[in-house]
Amino acid sequence: MKKILIVLLGSLILLPACFDDPITGPENLTARLIFYNNLMEADKIIWKVEEAESTSGQSYGIPYEGTVEVGGYDHPVRIAASTLEGGVTLDSLDCSLDPFSYYMVSIIGTEEEPRLQCDSMDTSFPSPGMVKMRFLQASESMGEVDIYIGGDLPEHRRFIGIAYGQLSEYVEATEESFWTAIIVTPAQTAPADSIILSYTVNINFAHNKTYFGIINHNETDPESSFRMQVFDQPSY
């Protein structure tokens, strides 16, 4: 069993906008994109949205935020990721964006088998007094997983069989439940039998906030230890 490392970032790392189209006034319709590099490669990632390109490479595990102008609702844009060294295009996709909305863009896998995805963020606040969270399973070697929140009993299992590359739905629970435990196990396996990740005795989750948890590796080496990174997600 690999050693476990879980990282909780108290606030989203907001780097300068990576595209040359900042918000300049209310007449501009823009969508916000938050990029997550989970590629199992040492090289940094360059992002391109239509003709705009990121001004610096994104390192593994560090979020990167940018904005892009859109012509209205359901506006199609082409998003591509390439290597910083050599400019090799890894993957691309078309994503429909709405103004005044946030989207997560993630790349996982390897240079030989990259996987790019784009998905809208639910920026509505959780129910009063609750914490809201979703997860991305970004480790191929981990396989399908179950996620428990608040303890290790069957009633604490909130997600079943999250596959590699899959985004979970959002889930709500009390902050005390998140403080108590987030446990990741192999699919259909009880925590008493096998635990991949266990995050307990944590008081950093705050009610009325939303978080995004990425299950990945501590390093770009697929043999490195597993970890969970937890990022603040925008709510308004």
C-alpha atoms as a PDB file:
ATOM      1  CA  MET A   1       0.000   0.000   0.000  1.00  0.00           C
ATOM      2  CA  LYS A   2       1.370   3.389  -0.977  1.00  0.00           C
ATOM      3  CA  LYS A   3       1.809   6.054   1.647  1.00  0.00           C
ATOM      4  CA  ILE A   4      -0.955   8.611   1.879  1.00  0.00           C
ATOM      5  CA  LEU A   5      -0.632  12.346   1.518  1.00  0.00           C
ATOM      6  CA  ILE A   6      -3.606  14.684   1.583  1.00  0.00           C
ATOM      7  CA  VAL A   7      -3.254  18.372   0.882  1.00  0.00           C
ATOM      8  CA  LEU A   8      -5.901  20.905   1.844  1.00  0.00           C
ATOM      9  CA  LEU A   9      -5.425  24.329   0.335  1.00  0.00           C
ATOM     10  CA  GLY A  10      -7.369  26.838   2.378  1.00  0.00           C
ATOM     11  CA  SER A  11      -8.035  29.053  -0.613  1.00  0.00           C
ATOM     12  CA  LEU A  12      -7.858  28.660  -4.343  1.00  0.00           C
ATOM     13  CA  ILE A  13      -4.545  29.733  -5.809  1.00  0.00           C
ATOM     14  CA  LEU A  14      -5.486  32.554  -8.132  1.00  0.00           C
ATOM     15  CA  LEU A  15      -2.728  33.284 -10.580  1.00  0.00           C
ATOM     16  CA  PRO A  16      -2.894  36.184 -13.025  1.00  0.00           C
ATOM     17  CA  ALA A  17      -5.404  35.658 -15.807  1.00  0.00           C
ATOM     18  CA  CYS A  18      -3.759  33.421 -18.345  1.00  0.00           C
ATOM     19  CA  PHE A  19      -5.435  34.865 -21.421  1.00  0.00           C
ATOM     20  CA  ASP A  20      -5.137  38.325 -22.876  1.00  0.00           C
ATOM     21  CA  ASP A  21      -8.838  39.089 -22.560  1.00  0.00           C
ATOM     22  CA  PRO A  22      -9.419  40.451 -19.042  1.00  0.00           C
ATOM     23  CA  ILE A  23     -12.770  41.820 -17.980  1.00  0.00           C
ATOM     24  CA  THR A  24     -12.740  45.500 -18.928  1.00  0.00           C
ATOM     25  CA  GLY A  25     -16.337  46.471 -18.337  1.00  0.00           C
ATOM     26  CA  PRO A  26     -19.931  45.288 -18.051  1.00  0.00           C
ATOM     27  CA  GLU A  27     -20.264  45.219 -21.855  1.00  0.00           C
ATOM     28  CA  ASN A  28     -17.870  42.270 -22.018  1.00  0.00           C
ATOM     29  CA  LEU A  29     -19.435  38.829 -21.620  1.00  0.00           C
ATOM     30  CA  THR A  30     -16.872  36.533 -20.091  1.00  0.00           C
ATOM     31  CA  ALA A  31     -16.644  33.033 -18.708  1.00  0.00           C
ATOM     32  CA  ARG A  32     -14.071  31.996 -16.139  1.00  0.00           C
ATOM     33  CA  LEU A  33     -12.001  28.846 -16.509  1.00  0.00           C
ATOM     34  CA  ILE A  34     -10.015  27.153 -13.763  1.00  0.00           C
ATOM     35  CA  PHE A  35      -7.420  24.727 -15.106  1.00  0.00           C
ATOM     36  CA  TYR A  36      -6.144  21.672 -13.214  1.00  0.00           C
ATOM     37  CA  ASN A  37      -3.022  19.898 -14.455  1.00  0.00           C
ATOM     38  CA  ASN A  38      -3.050  16.266 -13.338  1.00  0.00           C
ATOM     39  CA  LEU A  39      -0.956  14.907 -16.208  1.00  0.00           C
ATOM     40  CA  MET A  40       1.603  12.274 -15.245  1.00  0.00           C
ATOM     41  CA  GLU A  41       4.450  14.149 -16.953  1.00  0.00           C
ATOM     42  CA  ALA A  42       7.237  16.348 -15.609  1.00  0.00           C
ATOM     43  CA  ASP A  43       6.699  18.948 -18.340  1.00  0.00           C
ATOM     44  CA  LYS A  44       4.460  21.952 -17.748  1.00  0.00           C
ATOM     45  CA  ILE A  45       1.223  22.524 -19.662  1.00  0.00           C
ATOM     46  CA  ILE A  46       0.361  25.373 -22.019  1.00  0.00           C
ATOM     47  CA  TRP A  47      -3.353  26.071 -22.464  1.00  0.00           C
ATOM     48  CA  LYS A  48      -4.983  27.533 -25.536  1.00  0.00           C
ATOM     49  CA  VAL A  49      -8.580  28.756 -25.724  1.00  0.00           C
ATOM     50  CA  GLU A  50      -9.473  29.684 -29.293  1.00  0.00           C
ATOM     51  CA  GLU A  51      -6.539  31.931 -30.274  1.00  0.00           C
ATOM     52  CA  ALA A  52      -5.573  33.010 -26.736  1.00  0.00           C
ATOM     53  CA  GLU A  53      -2.687  31.149 -25.132  1.00  0.00           C
ATOM     54  CA  SER A  54      -1.466  30.978 -21.539  1.00  0.00           C
ATOM     55  CA  THR A  55       1.587  33.105 -20.924  1.00  0.00           C
ATOM     56  CA  SER A  56       3.437  30.560 -18.778  1.00  0.00           C
ATOM     57  CA  GLY A  57       3.445  26.821 -18.201  1.00  0.00           C
ATOM     58  CA  GLN A  58       1.227  25.270 -15.557  1.00  0.00           C
ATOM     59  CA  SER A  59       2.889  22.916 -13.096  1.00  0.00           C
ATOM     60  CA  TYR A  60       1.369  19.661 -11.901  1.00  0.00           C
ATOM     61  CA  GLY A  61      -1.220  20.076  -9.153  1.00  0.00           C
ATOM     62  CA  ILE A  62      -1.399  23.885  -9.167  1.00  0.00           C
ATOM     63  CA  PRO A  63      -4.641  25.575 -10.358  1.00  0.00           C
ATOM     64  CA  TYR A  64      -4.519  28.267 -13.007  1.00  0.00           C
ATOM     65  CA  GLU A  65      -7.359  30.708 -13.688  1.00  0.00           C
ATOM     66  CA  GLY A  66      -8.212  32.695 -16.778  1.00  0.00           C
ATOM     67  CA  THR A  67     -11.113  34.389 -18.539  1.00  0.00           C
ATOM     68  CA  VAL A  68     -12.418  34.182 -22.079  1.00  0.00           C
ATOM     69  CA  GLU A  69     -14.914  36.391 -23.873  1.00  0.00           C
ATOM     70  CA  VAL A  70     -18.068  34.690 -25.129  1.00  0.00           C
ATOM     71  CA  GLY A  71     -20.656  35.923 -27.594  1.00  0.00           C
ATOM     72  CA  GLY A  72     -23.616  34.808 -25.515  1.00  0.00           C
ATOM     73  CA  TYR A  73     -25.012  31.707 -23.880  1.00  0.00           C
ATOM     74  CA  ASP A  74     -23.960  28.237 -25.046  1.00  0.00           C
ATOM     75  CA  HIS A  75     -20.987  29.790 -26.837  1.00  0.00           C
ATOM     76  CA  PRO A  76     -18.654  27.118 -28.315  1.00  0.00           C
ATOM     77  CA  VAL A  77     -14.915  27.444 -27.744  1.00  0.00           C
ATOM     78  CA  ARG A  78     -12.013  25.149 -28.591  1.00  0.00           C
ATOM     79  CA  ILE A  79      -9.725  24.329 -25.646  1.00  0.00           C
ATOM     80  CA  ALA A  80      -6.365  22.640 -26.197  1.00  0.00           C
ATOM     81  CA  ALA A  81      -3.458  21.584 -23.995  1.00  0.00           C
ATOM     82  CA  SER A  82       0.131  21.217 -25.157  1.00  0.00           C
ATOM     83  CA  THR A  83       3.545  20.642 -23.624  1.00  0.00           C
ATOM     84  CA  LEU A  84       5.679  23.649 -22.745  1.00  0.00           C
ATOM     85  CA  GLU A  85       8.767  21.999 -24.214  1.00  0.00           C
ATOM     86  CA  GLY A  86       8.304  21.291 -27.889  1.00  0.00           C
ATOM     87  CA  GLY A  87       4.714  22.486 -28.041  1.00  0.00           C
ATOM     88  CA  VAL A  88       3.282  19.019 -28.608  1.00  0.00           C
ATOM     89  CA  THR A  89      -0.525  19.154 -28.651  1.00  0.00           C
ATOM     90  CA  LEU A  90      -1.810  16.654 -26.113  1.00  0.00           C
ATOM     91  CA  ASP A  91      -5.564  16.899 -26.497  1.00  0.00           C
ATOM     92  CA  SER A  92      -8.333  19.328 -27.430  1.00  0.00           C
ATOM     93  CA  LEU A  93     -12.083  19.573 -27.081  1.00  0.00           C
ATOM     94  CA  ASP A  94     -15.013  21.861 -27.824  1.00  0.00           C
ATOM     95  CA  CYS A  95     -16.806  23.250 -24.783  1.00  0.00           C
ATOM     96  CA  SER A  96     -19.963  25.364 -24.690  1.00  0.00           C
ATOM     97  CA  LEU A  97     -19.622  28.251 -22.242  1.00  0.00           C
ATOM     98  CA  ASP A  98     -22.063  30.688 -20.689  1.00  0.00           C
ATOM     99  CA  PRO A  99     -21.159  34.211 -19.555  1.00  0.00           C
ATOM    100  CA  PHE A 100     -20.778  34.909 -15.839  1.00  0.00           C
ATOM    101  CA  SER A 101     -20.129  31.198 -15.194  1.00  0.00           C
ATOM    102  CA  TYR A 102     -17.187  29.135 -13.959  1.00  0.00           C
ATOM    103  CA  TYR A 103     -15.829  25.985 -15.588  1.00  0.00           C
ATOM    104  CA  MET A 104     -13.229  23.463 -14.546  1.00  0.00           C
ATOM    105  CA  VAL A 105     -10.835  22.225 -17.216  1.00  0.00           C
ATOM    106  CA  SER A 106      -8.680  19.247 -16.305  1.00  0.00           C
ATOM    107  CA  ILE A 107      -6.111  17.110 -18.043  1.00  0.00           C
ATOM    108  CA  ILE A 108      -5.199  13.674 -16.695  1.00  0.00           C
ATOM    109  CA  GLY A 109      -3.296  10.637 -17.931  1.00  0.00           C
ATOM    110  CA  THR A 110       0.029  10.674 -19.774  1.00  0.00           C
ATOM    111  CA  GLU A 111       1.420  12.257 -22.923  1.00  0.00           C
ATOM    112  CA  GLU A 112       0.666   8.998 -24.742  1.00  0.00           C
ATOM    113  CA  GLU A 113      -2.887   8.760 -23.365  1.00  0.00           C
ATOM    114  CA  PRO A 114      -4.065  12.208 -22.250  1.00  0.00           C
ATOM    115  CA  ARG A 115      -7.647  12.939 -21.304  1.00  0.00           C
ATOM    116  CA  LEU A 116      -9.017  16.489 -21.347  1.00  0.00           C
ATOM    117  CA  GLN A 117     -12.354  17.441 -19.858  1.00  0.00           C
ATOM    118  CA  CYS A 118     -14.431  20.580 -19.290  1.00  0.00           C
ATOM    119  CA  ASP A 119     -17.377  20.830 -16.932  1.00  0.00           C
ATOM    120  CA  SER A 120     -19.426  23.643 -15.451  1.00  0.00           C
ATOM    121  CA  MET A 121     -19.123  24.458 -11.762  1.00  0.00           C
ATOM    122  CA  ASP A 122     -22.205  24.718  -9.576  1.00  0.00           C
ATOM    123  CA  THR A 123     -21.547  28.086  -7.971  1.00  0.00           C
ATOM    124  CA  SER A 124     -24.736  28.205  -5.919  1.00  0.00           C
ATOM    125  CA  PHE A 125     -24.238  28.234  -2.167  1.00  0.00           C
ATOM    126  CA  PRO A 126     -24.805  25.037  -0.198  1.00  0.00           C
ATOM    127  CA  SER A 127     -27.894  24.659   1.942  1.00  0.00           C
ATOM    128  CA  PRO A 128     -27.617  26.868   5.049  1.00  0.00           C
ATOM    129  CA  GLY A 129     -25.073  25.495   7.477  1.00  0.00           C
ATOM    130  CA  MET A 130     -23.834  22.809   5.087  1.00  0.00           C
ATOM    131  CA  VAL A 131     -20.633  22.144   3.147  1.00  0.00           C
ATOM    132  CA  LYS A 132     -20.791  21.202  -0.546  1.00  0.00           C
ATOM    133  CA  MET A 133     -18.109  19.219  -2.353  1.00  0.00           C
ATOM    134  CA  ARG A 134     -17.409  17.231  -5.509  1.00  0.00           C
ATOM    135  CA  PHE A 135     -14.511  14.949  -6.443  1.00  0.00           C
ATOM    136  CA  LEU A 136     -12.377  14.057  -9.456  1.00  0.00           C
ATOM    137  CA  GLN A 137     -10.684  10.651  -9.597  1.00  0.00           C
ATOM    138  CA  ALA A 138      -7.450  11.466 -11.485  1.00  0.00           C
ATOM    139  CA  SER A 139      -5.347   8.357 -10.756  1.00  0.00           C
ATOM    140  CA  GLU A 140      -5.525   5.500 -13.265  1.00  0.00           C
ATOM    141  CA  SER A 141      -3.649   3.106 -10.992  1.00  0.00           C
ATOM    142  CA  MET A 142      -6.198   3.649  -8.214  1.00  0.00           C
ATOM    143  CA  GLY A 143      -9.094   2.181 -10.167  1.00  0.00           C
ATOM    144  CA  GLU A 144     -12.723   2.684  -9.163  1.00  0.00           C
ATOM    145  CA  VAL A 145     -13.240   4.061  -5.665  1.00  0.00           C
ATOM    146  CA  ASP A 146     -15.917   4.602  -3.051  1.00  0.00           C
ATOM    147  CA  ILE A 147     -15.919   7.742  -0.899  1.00  0.00           C
ATOM    148  CA  TYR A 148     -17.113   7.924   2.702  1.00  0.00           C
ATOM    149  CA  ILE A 149     -17.823  11.209   4.479  1.00  0.00           C
ATOM    150  CA  GLY A 150     -18.241  11.451   8.238  1.00  0.00           C
ATOM    151  CA  GLY A 151     -17.121   7.962   9.222  1.00  0.00           C
ATOM    152  CA  ASP A 152     -16.407   4.420   8.094  1.00  0.00           C
ATOM    153  CA  LEU A 153     -19.845   2.847   8.468  1.00  0.00           C
ATOM    154  CA  PRO A 154     -22.000   1.828   5.482  1.00  0.00           C
ATOM    155  CA  GLU A 155     -24.289   4.831   5.981  1.00  0.00           C
ATOM    156  CA  HIS A 156     -21.288   7.138   5.513  1.00  0.00           C
ATOM    157  CA  ARG A 157     -20.622   5.908   1.956  1.00  0.00           C
ATOM    158  CA  ARG A 158     -21.661   8.802  -0.282  1.00  0.00           C
ATOM    159  CA  PHE A 159     -20.212   7.723  -3.642  1.00  0.00           C
ATOM    160  CA  ILE A 160     -19.911   4.249  -5.138  1.00  0.00           C
ATOM    161  CA  GLY A 161     -17.577   3.221  -7.945  1.00  0.00           C
ATOM    162  CA  ILE A 162     -16.133   6.555  -9.103  1.00  0.00           C
ATOM    163  CA  ALA A 163     -14.005   5.560 -12.101  1.00  0.00           C
ATOM    164  CA  TYR A 164     -10.715   6.984 -13.321  1.00  0.00           C
ATOM    165  CA  GLY A 165     -11.385  10.344 -14.950  1.00  0.00           C
ATOM    166  CA  GLN A 166     -14.884  10.624 -13.509  1.00  0.00           C
ATOM    167  CA  LEU A 167     -16.281  13.724 -11.831  1.00  0.00           C
ATOM    168  CA  SER A 168     -18.669  13.030  -8.992  1.00  0.00           C
ATOM    169  CA  GLU A 169     -21.897  14.867  -8.402  1.00  0.00           C
ATOM    170  CA  TYR A 170     -21.927  17.502  -5.682  1.00  0.00           C
ATOM    171  CA  VAL A 171     -22.644  16.248  -2.191  1.00  0.00           C
ATOM    172  CA  GLU A 172     -23.644  18.176   0.920  1.00  0.00           C
ATOM    173  CA  ALA A 173     -22.795  17.302   4.503  1.00  0.00           C
ATOM    174  CA  THR A 174     -22.218  19.129   7.758  1.00  0.00           C
ATOM    175  CA  GLU A 175     -18.811  20.580   8.434  1.00  0.00           C
ATOM    176  CA  GLU A 176     -18.535  18.207  11.390  1.00  0.00           C
ATOM    177  CA  SER A 177     -18.877  15.276   8.963  1.00  0.00           C
ATOM    178  CA  PHE A 178     -16.057  16.596   6.793  1.00  0.00           C
ATOM    179  CA  TRP A 179     -13.995  17.323   9.904  1.00  0.00           C
ATOM    180  CA  THR A 180     -14.469  13.749  11.058  1.00  0.00           C
ATOM    181  CA  ALA A 181     -13.344  11.915   7.942  1.00  0.00           C
ATOM    182  CA  ILE A 182     -13.106  11.670   4.182  1.00  0.00           C
ATOM    183  CA  ILE A 183     -12.232   8.063   3.393  1.00  0.00           C
ATOM    184  CA  VAL A 184     -11.462   6.656  -0.051  1.00  0.00           C
ATOM    185  CA  THR A 185     -11.569   2.892  -0.530  1.00  0.00           C
ATOM    186  CA  PRO A 186     -11.419   0.541  -3.517  1.00  0.00           C
ATOM    187  CA  ALA A 187     -14.912   0.171  -4.999  1.00  0.00           C
ATOM    188  CA  GLN A 188     -17.238  -2.135  -3.080  1.00  0.00           C
ATOM    189  CA  THR A 189     -14.669  -2.479  -0.287  1.00  0.00           C
ATOM    190  CA  ALA A 190     -15.373  -1.555   3.325  1.00  0.00           C
ATOM    191  CA  PRO A 191     -12.884   0.720   5.128  1.00  0.00           C
ATOM    192  CA  ALA A 192     -12.236  -2.101   7.595  1.00  0.00           C
ATOM    193  CA  ASP A 193     -10.804  -4.137   4.712  1.00  0.00           C
ATOM    194  CA  SER A 194      -8.852  -1.573   2.682  1.00  0.00           C
ATOM    195  CA  ILE A 195      -8.347   2.214   2.731  1.00  0.00           C
ATOM    196  CA  ILE A 196      -6.632   4.165  -0.042  1.00  0.00           C
ATOM    197  CA  LEU A 197      -6.889   7.606   1.579  1.00  0.00           C
ATOM    198  CA  SER A 198      -8.051   8.660   4.996  1.00  0.00           C
ATOM    199  CA  TYR A 199      -8.371  12.302   5.970  1.00  0.00           C
ATOM    200  CA  THR A 200      -9.506  12.759   9.565  1.00  0.00           C
ATOM    201  CA  VAL A 201      -9.451  15.295  12.396  1.00  0.00           C
ATOM    202  CA  ASN A 202      -9.626  18.224  10.008  1.00  0.00           C
ATOM    203  CA  ILE A 203     -11.191  21.573  10.907  1.00  0.00           C
ATOM    204  CA  ASN A 204     -10.431  23.495   7.728  1.00  0.00           C
ATOM    205  CA  PHE A 205     -13.751  22.892   5.992  1.00  0.00           C
ATOM    206  CA  ALA A 206     -16.201  25.734   6.630  1.00  0.00           C
ATOM    207  CA  HIS A 207     -19.977  25.693   6.343  1.00  0.00           C
ATOM    208  CA  ASN A 208     -21.669  27.587   3.514  1.00  0.00           C
ATOM    209  CA  LYS A 209     -18.657  26.936   1.284  1.00  0.00           C
ATOM    210  CA  THR A 210     -18.007  24.648  -1.683  1.00  0.00           C
ATOM    211  CA  TYR A 211     -14.879  22.575  -2.303  1.00  0.00           C
ATOM    212  CA  PHE A 212     -13.346  20.542  -5.108  1.00  0.00           C
ATOM    213  CA  GLY A 213     -11.334  17.459  -4.193  1.00  0.00           C
ATOM    214  CA  ILE A 214      -8.904  15.861  -6.663  1.00  0.00           C
ATOM    215  CA  ILE A 215      -7.610  12.366  -5.963  1.00  0.00           C
ATOM    216  CA  ASN A 216      -4.227  12.084  -7.646  1.00  0.00           C
ATOM    217  CA  HIS A 217      -0.551  11.439  -6.917  1.00  0.00           C
ATOM    218  CA  ASN A 218       1.954  13.348  -4.840  1.00  0.00           C
ATOM    219  CA  GLU A 219       4.283  13.555  -7.862  1.00  0.00           C
ATOM    220  CA  THR A 220       4.083  13.031 -11.615  1.00  0.00           C
ATOM    221  CA  ASP A 221       5.436   9.522 -11.066  1.00  0.00           C
ATOM    222  CA  PRO A 222       2.460   7.090 -11.163  1.00  0.00           C
ATOM    223  CA  GLU A 223       4.267   5.016  -8.543  1.00  0.00           C
ATOM    224  CA  SER A 224       4.295   7.914  -6.076  1.00  0.00           C
ATOM    225  CA  SER A 225       1.970   8.061  -3.085  1.00  0.00           C
ATOM    226  CA  PHE A 226      -1.702   8.921  -3.448  1.00  0.00           C
ATOM    227  CA  ARG A 227      -3.068  12.193  -2.164  1.00  0.00           C
ATOM    228  CA  MET A 228      -6.191  14.331  -2.202  1.00  0.00           C
ATOM    229  CA  GLN A 229      -5.933  18.020  -2.992  1.00  0.00           C
ATOM    230  CA  VAL A 230      -8.841  20.156  -1.807  1.00  0.00           C
ATOM    231  CA  PHE A 231      -9.514  23.550  -3.339  1.00  0.00           C
ATOM    232  CA  ASP A 232     -12.030  26.258  -2.576  1.00  0.00           C
ATOM    233  CA  GLN A 233     -14.596  26.558  -5.354  1.00  0.00           C
ATOM    234  CA  PRO A 234     -16.317  29.872  -6.154  1.00  0.00           C
ATOM    235  CA  SER A 235     -19.806  30.408  -4.744  1.00  0.00           C
ATOM    236  CA  TYR A 236     -22.079  33.379  -5.351  1.00  0.00           C
END
